[in-house]
Amino acid sequence: MDIIKEIAETHPHKVVLSNGKGEYKKIIFARKVLKGRNAYQLEKYTQTQVFHENIEEGRLADLCNYAFFKEDMSFNLKNLFQEKMIC
């Protein structure tokens, strides 16, 4: 999805995918500096557990696309100055 790629290129501070109908009910991508490099920390929520994963900044668009389509989730983007929602 081109809009997800465009959004990822703005390096958002937080991306929230929610209302998942698959294994994950919510996935949060939070921008962090890990070991001196920009990255995203994922919090993947199931019904009863939360799993954490760190990814390189360049993988944000691919993983958002995967979650958006495979997990059938709503997409919410939080930047410092704006907020967008894509359903």
C-alpha atoms as a PDB file:
ATOM      1  CA  MET A   1       0.000   0.000   0.000  1.00  0.00           C
ATOM      2  CA  ASP A   2       1.676   3.218  -1.176  1.00  0.00           C
ATOM      3  CA  ILE A   3       0.237   5.406   1.584  1.00  0.00           C
ATOM      4  CA  ILE A   4       1.833   3.224   4.257  1.00  0.00           C
ATOM      5  CA  LYS A   5       5.204   3.561   2.498  1.00  0.00           C
ATOM      6  CA  GLU A   6       4.764   7.346   2.313  1.00  0.00           C
ATOM      7  CA  ILE A   7       3.877   7.513   6.001  1.00  0.00           C
ATOM      8  CA  ALA A   8       6.857   5.344   6.963  1.00  0.00           C
ATOM      9  CA  GLU A   9       9.144   7.746   5.096  1.00  0.00           C
ATOM     10  CA  THR A  10       8.044  10.558   7.459  1.00  0.00           C
ATOM     11  CA  HIS A  11       9.576   8.546  10.350  1.00  0.00           C
ATOM     12  CA  PRO A  12       6.546   8.750  12.680  1.00  0.00           C
ATOM     13  CA  HIS A  13       7.132   8.629  16.423  1.00  0.00           C
ATOM     14  CA  LYS A  14       4.406   6.077  16.997  1.00  0.00           C
ATOM     15  CA  VAL A  15       2.240   3.859  14.811  1.00  0.00           C
ATOM     16  CA  VAL A  16      -0.666   1.975  16.351  1.00  0.00           C
ATOM     17  CA  LEU A  17      -2.437  -0.873  14.559  1.00  0.00           C
ATOM     18  CA  SER A  18      -5.516  -1.979  16.478  1.00  0.00           C
ATOM     19  CA  ASN A  19      -8.777  -3.927  16.292  1.00  0.00           C
ATOM     20  CA  GLY A  20      -6.917  -6.923  14.911  1.00  0.00           C
ATOM     21  CA  LYS A  21      -8.975  -9.940  13.951  1.00  0.00           C
ATOM     22  CA  GLY A  22      -5.973 -12.285  13.808  1.00  0.00           C
ATOM     23  CA  GLU A  23      -3.493 -13.421  16.437  1.00  0.00           C
ATOM     24  CA  TYR A  24      -2.576  -9.865  17.486  1.00  0.00           C
ATOM     25  CA  LYS A  25      -5.213  -7.492  18.815  1.00  0.00           C
ATOM     26  CA  LYS A  26      -2.927  -4.458  18.760  1.00  0.00           C
ATOM     27  CA  ILE A  27       0.610  -3.687  17.541  1.00  0.00           C
ATOM     28  CA  ILE A  28       2.454  -0.534  18.575  1.00  0.00           C
ATOM     29  CA  PHE A  29       5.566   0.638  16.695  1.00  0.00           C
ATOM     30  CA  ALA A  30       7.440   3.221  18.830  1.00  0.00           C
ATOM     31  CA  ARG A  31      10.470   5.056  17.421  1.00  0.00           C
ATOM     32  CA  LYS A  32      13.567   4.697  19.614  1.00  0.00           C
ATOM     33  CA  VAL A  33      17.324   5.108  19.440  1.00  0.00           C
ATOM     34  CA  LEU A  34      18.771   1.665  20.098  1.00  0.00           C
ATOM     35  CA  LYS A  35      22.543   1.202  20.228  1.00  0.00           C
ATOM     36  CA  GLY A  36      22.999   4.612  18.602  1.00  0.00           C
ATOM     37  CA  ARG A  37      20.718   3.847  15.635  1.00  0.00           C
ATOM     38  CA  ASN A  38      17.140   4.835  14.848  1.00  0.00           C
ATOM     39  CA  ALA A  39      14.843   1.857  15.186  1.00  0.00           C
ATOM     40  CA  TYR A  40      11.313   0.873  16.157  1.00  0.00           C
ATOM     41  CA  GLN A  41      10.324  -1.139  19.182  1.00  0.00           C
ATOM     42  CA  LEU A  42       7.234  -3.275  18.579  1.00  0.00           C
ATOM     43  CA  GLU A  43       4.724  -4.222  21.240  1.00  0.00           C
ATOM     44  CA  LYS A  44       2.488  -6.997  19.906  1.00  0.00           C
ATOM     45  CA  TYR A  45      -0.589  -7.634  22.046  1.00  0.00           C
ATOM     46  CA  THR A  46      -2.458 -10.929  22.008  1.00  0.00           C
ATOM     47  CA  GLN A  47      -5.515 -11.572  24.144  1.00  0.00           C
ATOM     48  CA  THR A  48      -3.367 -12.305  27.225  1.00  0.00           C
ATOM     49  CA  GLN A  49       0.304 -11.472  26.444  1.00  0.00           C
ATOM     50  CA  VAL A  50       2.569  -8.776  25.030  1.00  0.00           C
ATOM     51  CA  PHE A  51       5.590  -9.594  22.868  1.00  0.00           C
ATOM     52  CA  HIS A  52       8.419  -7.112  22.227  1.00  0.00           C
ATOM     53  CA  GLU A  53      10.665  -6.909  19.196  1.00  0.00           C
ATOM     54  CA  ASN A  54      13.158  -4.347  17.867  1.00  0.00           C
ATOM     55  CA  ILE A  55      13.346  -3.654  14.134  1.00  0.00           C
ATOM     56  CA  GLU A  56      15.435  -1.435  11.890  1.00  0.00           C
ATOM     57  CA  GLU A  57      13.797   1.819  10.851  1.00  0.00           C
ATOM     58  CA  GLY A  58      13.734   0.734   7.187  1.00  0.00           C
ATOM     59  CA  ARG A  59      11.453  -2.253   7.909  1.00  0.00           C
ATOM     60  CA  LEU A  60       8.540  -0.166   9.231  1.00  0.00           C
ATOM     61  CA  ALA A  61       6.549  -0.031   5.970  1.00  0.00           C
ATOM     62  CA  ASP A  62       6.846  -3.778   5.295  1.00  0.00           C
ATOM     63  CA  LEU A  63       5.750  -4.773   8.785  1.00  0.00           C
ATOM     64  CA  CYS A  64       2.874  -2.247   8.814  1.00  0.00           C
ATOM     65  CA  ASN A  65       1.665  -3.613   5.469  1.00  0.00           C
ATOM     66  CA  TYR A  66       1.864  -7.174   6.783  1.00  0.00           C
ATOM     67  CA  ALA A  67      -0.090  -6.354   9.955  1.00  0.00           C
ATOM     68  CA  PHE A  68      -2.607  -4.128   8.167  1.00  0.00           C
ATOM     69  CA  PHE A  69      -3.569  -6.815   5.656  1.00  0.00           C
ATOM     70  CA  LYS A  70      -2.841 -10.133   7.405  1.00  0.00           C
ATOM     71  CA  GLU A  71      -4.138  -9.151  10.847  1.00  0.00           C
ATOM     72  CA  ASP A  72      -6.893  -6.925   9.334  1.00  0.00           C
ATOM     73  CA  MET A  73      -6.121  -3.980  11.606  1.00  0.00           C
ATOM     74  CA  SER A  74      -6.965  -0.270  11.771  1.00  0.00           C
ATOM     75  CA  PHE A  75      -3.999   2.068  11.329  1.00  0.00           C
ATOM     76  CA  ASN A  76      -3.305   5.113  13.505  1.00  0.00           C
ATOM     77  CA  LEU A  77      -0.225   7.290  13.055  1.00  0.00           C
ATOM     78  CA  LYS A  78       1.106   9.720  15.668  1.00  0.00           C
ATOM     79  CA  ASN A  79       3.667  12.312  14.707  1.00  0.00           C
ATOM     80  CA  LEU A  80       4.775  15.255  16.796  1.00  0.00           C
ATOM     81  CA  PHE A  81       2.522  17.693  14.958  1.00  0.00           C
ATOM     82  CA  GLN A  82      -0.211  15.627  13.358  1.00  0.00           C
ATOM     83  CA  GLU A  83      -2.371  12.572  13.765  1.00  0.00           C
ATOM     84  CA  LYS A  84      -3.896  10.566  10.912  1.00  0.00           C
ATOM     85  CA  MET A  85      -6.162   7.560  10.929  1.00  0.00           C
ATOM     86  CA  ILE A  86      -6.565   5.082   8.084  1.00  0.00           C
ATOM     87  CA  CYS A  87      -9.229   2.394   8.203  1.00  0.00           C
END
